[in-house]
Amino acid sequence: MNYTIYVIFDCFEGKREAFVEKVKAEGLVDAIRAEDGCVRYDFYFSEKDKNQILLIEEWESKEKQQIHVNQPHMAIFREIKKDYIGNTTLGEFEIK
């Protein structure tokens, strides 16, 4: 069974689209999607909150997701977040 998590990013005012464009322009989204075990890595914009992004990550296993977190390009991702994201909430899906 795959391991799926959600991440909710609360962006600084007016920074939502710019954040996604920045991580794409830096090649981070492509690098993450190319990682071993990545099944899905997709951003969704909230219709209700113009400053919120939902990220769905699906991995072949929790172990592969944990390896992902420690990749060098994730350090770049975390640095970029500082300029765009005020709060991050994570959770796991239980898919049966």
C-alpha atoms as a PDB file:
ATOM      1  CA  MET A   1       0.000   0.000   0.000  1.00  0.00           C
ATOM      2  CA  ASN A   2       1.308   3.439  -0.919  1.00  0.00           C
ATOM      3  CA  TYR A   3       2.007   6.113   1.674  1.00  0.00           C
ATOM      4  CA  THR A   4       0.126   9.395   1.105  1.00  0.00           C
ATOM      5  CA  ILE A   5       0.425  12.658   3.001  1.00  0.00           C
ATOM      6  CA  TYR A   6      -1.061  16.104   2.651  1.00  0.00           C
ATOM      7  CA  VAL A   7       0.656  19.398   3.328  1.00  0.00           C
ATOM      8  CA  ILE A   8      -1.248  22.649   3.736  1.00  0.00           C
ATOM      9  CA  PHE A   9       0.812  25.758   3.085  1.00  0.00           C
ATOM     10  CA  ASP A  10      -0.529  29.063   4.391  1.00  0.00           C
ATOM     11  CA  CYS A  11       1.245  31.560   2.178  1.00  0.00           C
ATOM     12  CA  PHE A  12       2.035  35.160   2.904  1.00  0.00           C
ATOM     13  CA  GLU A  13      -0.526  37.515   1.374  1.00  0.00           C
ATOM     14  CA  GLY A  14      -0.412  37.365  -2.420  1.00  0.00           C
ATOM     15  CA  LYS A  15       2.496  34.885  -2.542  1.00  0.00           C
ATOM     16  CA  ARG A  16       0.653  31.642  -3.367  1.00  0.00           C
ATOM     17  CA  GLU A  17       1.178  31.483  -7.133  1.00  0.00           C
ATOM     18  CA  ALA A  18       4.678  32.951  -6.869  1.00  0.00           C
ATOM     19  CA  PHE A  19       5.729  30.163  -4.485  1.00  0.00           C
ATOM     20  CA  VAL A  20       4.645  27.393  -6.834  1.00  0.00           C
ATOM     21  CA  GLU A  21       6.233  29.153  -9.804  1.00  0.00           C
ATOM     22  CA  LYS A  22       9.504  29.584  -7.875  1.00  0.00           C
ATOM     23  CA  VAL A  23       9.826  25.922  -6.868  1.00  0.00           C
ATOM     24  CA  LYS A  24       8.966  24.889 -10.433  1.00  0.00           C
ATOM     25  CA  ALA A  25      11.467  27.358 -11.941  1.00  0.00           C
ATOM     26  CA  GLU A  26      14.202  26.039  -9.622  1.00  0.00           C
ATOM     27  CA  GLY A  27      13.536  22.533 -10.953  1.00  0.00           C
ATOM     28  CA  LEU A  28      12.495  21.252  -7.539  1.00  0.00           C
ATOM     29  CA  VAL A  29       9.128  19.837  -8.566  1.00  0.00           C
ATOM     30  CA  ASP A  30      10.706  17.875 -11.414  1.00  0.00           C
ATOM     31  CA  ALA A  31      13.491  16.658  -9.115  1.00  0.00           C
ATOM     32  CA  ILE A  32      10.991  15.475  -6.498  1.00  0.00           C
ATOM     33  CA  ARG A  33       8.774  13.753  -9.048  1.00  0.00           C
ATOM     34  CA  ALA A  34      11.859  11.954 -10.417  1.00  0.00           C
ATOM     35  CA  GLU A  35      12.804  10.557  -7.001  1.00  0.00           C
ATOM     36  CA  ASP A  36      12.667   6.820  -6.480  1.00  0.00           C
ATOM     37  CA  GLY A  37       9.270   5.928  -5.064  1.00  0.00           C
ATOM     38  CA  CYS A  38       7.416   9.139  -5.909  1.00  0.00           C
ATOM     39  CA  VAL A  39       3.973   8.305  -7.262  1.00  0.00           C
ATOM     40  CA  ARG A  40       2.360  11.736  -7.057  1.00  0.00           C
ATOM     41  CA  TYR A  41       3.427  15.238  -6.020  1.00  0.00           C
ATOM     42  CA  ASP A  42       0.730  17.781  -6.872  1.00  0.00           C
ATOM     43  CA  PHE A  43      -0.199  21.279  -5.717  1.00  0.00           C
ATOM     44  CA  TYR A  44      -3.829  22.462  -5.488  1.00  0.00           C
ATOM     45  CA  PHE A  45      -5.009  26.015  -4.897  1.00  0.00           C
ATOM     46  CA  SER A  46      -7.803  26.568  -2.402  1.00  0.00           C
ATOM     47  CA  GLU A  47     -10.900  28.168  -3.896  1.00  0.00           C
ATOM     48  CA  LYS A  48     -11.928  29.388  -0.441  1.00  0.00           C
ATOM     49  CA  ASP A  49      -8.588  30.816   0.773  1.00  0.00           C
ATOM     50  CA  LYS A  50      -6.546  32.731  -1.816  1.00  0.00           C
ATOM     51  CA  ASN A  51      -3.379  32.251   0.241  1.00  0.00           C
ATOM     52  CA  GLN A  52      -3.586  28.500   0.794  1.00  0.00           C
ATOM     53  CA  ILE A  53      -2.058  25.603  -1.125  1.00  0.00           C
ATOM     54  CA  LEU A  54      -2.724  21.908  -0.645  1.00  0.00           C
ATOM     55  CA  LEU A  55       0.071  19.533  -1.597  1.00  0.00           C
ATOM     56  CA  ILE A  56      -0.659  15.834  -2.037  1.00  0.00           C
ATOM     57  CA  GLU A  57       2.361  13.534  -1.897  1.00  0.00           C
ATOM     58  CA  GLU A  58       2.043   9.846  -2.674  1.00  0.00           C
ATOM     59  CA  TRP A  59       5.006   7.517  -2.230  1.00  0.00           C
ATOM     60  CA  GLU A  60       5.538   3.800  -2.689  1.00  0.00           C
ATOM     61  CA  SER A  61       6.356   3.605   1.046  1.00  0.00           C
ATOM     62  CA  LYS A  62       6.849   5.750   4.130  1.00  0.00           C
ATOM     63  CA  GLU A  63      10.550   4.883   3.985  1.00  0.00           C
ATOM     64  CA  LYS A  64      10.889   6.363   0.490  1.00  0.00           C
ATOM     65  CA  GLN A  65       9.062   9.517   1.618  1.00  0.00           C
ATOM     66  CA  GLN A  66      11.502   9.833   4.531  1.00  0.00           C
ATOM     67  CA  ILE A  67      14.456   9.496   2.146  1.00  0.00           C
ATOM     68  CA  HIS A  68      12.861  12.263   0.051  1.00  0.00           C
ATOM     69  CA  VAL A  69      12.812  14.667   3.011  1.00  0.00           C
ATOM     70  CA  ASN A  70      16.589  14.415   3.326  1.00  0.00           C
ATOM     71  CA  GLN A  71      17.470  14.998  -0.338  1.00  0.00           C
ATOM     72  CA  PRO A  72      19.736  18.015  -1.067  1.00  0.00           C
ATOM     73  CA  HIS A  73      17.055  19.712  -3.193  1.00  0.00           C
ATOM     74  CA  MET A  74      14.724  19.679  -0.182  1.00  0.00           C
ATOM     75  CA  ALA A  75      17.125  22.012   1.661  1.00  0.00           C
ATOM     76  CA  ILE A  76      16.631  24.453  -1.223  1.00  0.00           C
ATOM     77  CA  PHE A  77      12.862  23.951  -0.991  1.00  0.00           C
ATOM     78  CA  ARG A  78      12.926  24.794   2.734  1.00  0.00           C
ATOM     79  CA  GLU A  79      14.963  27.952   2.088  1.00  0.00           C
ATOM     80  CA  ILE A  80      12.503  29.123  -0.578  1.00  0.00           C
ATOM     81  CA  LYS A  81       9.584  28.496   1.798  1.00  0.00           C
ATOM     82  CA  LYS A  82      10.913  31.153   4.193  1.00  0.00           C
ATOM     83  CA  ASP A  83      10.011  33.906   1.706  1.00  0.00           C
ATOM     84  CA  TYR A  84       6.533  32.607   0.843  1.00  0.00           C
ATOM     85  CA  ILE A  85       5.063  30.403   3.578  1.00  0.00           C
ATOM     86  CA  GLY A  86       3.908  31.471   7.037  1.00  0.00           C
ATOM     87  CA  ASN A  87       2.602  28.142   8.318  1.00  0.00           C
ATOM     88  CA  THR A  88       2.752  24.504   7.256  1.00  0.00           C
ATOM     89  CA  THR A  89       0.395  21.722   8.381  1.00  0.00           C
ATOM     90  CA  LEU A  90       1.086  18.062   7.603  1.00  0.00           C
ATOM     91  CA  GLY A  91      -1.055  14.977   7.882  1.00  0.00           C
ATOM     92  CA  GLU A  92      -1.323  11.405   6.676  1.00  0.00           C
ATOM     93  CA  PHE A  93      -4.081   9.808   4.660  1.00  0.00           C
ATOM     94  CA  GLU A  94      -5.251   6.357   5.523  1.00  0.00           C
ATOM     95  CA  ILE A  95      -6.397   4.782   2.281  1.00  0.00           C
ATOM     96  CA  LYS A  96      -8.118   1.446   2.520  1.00  0.00           C
END
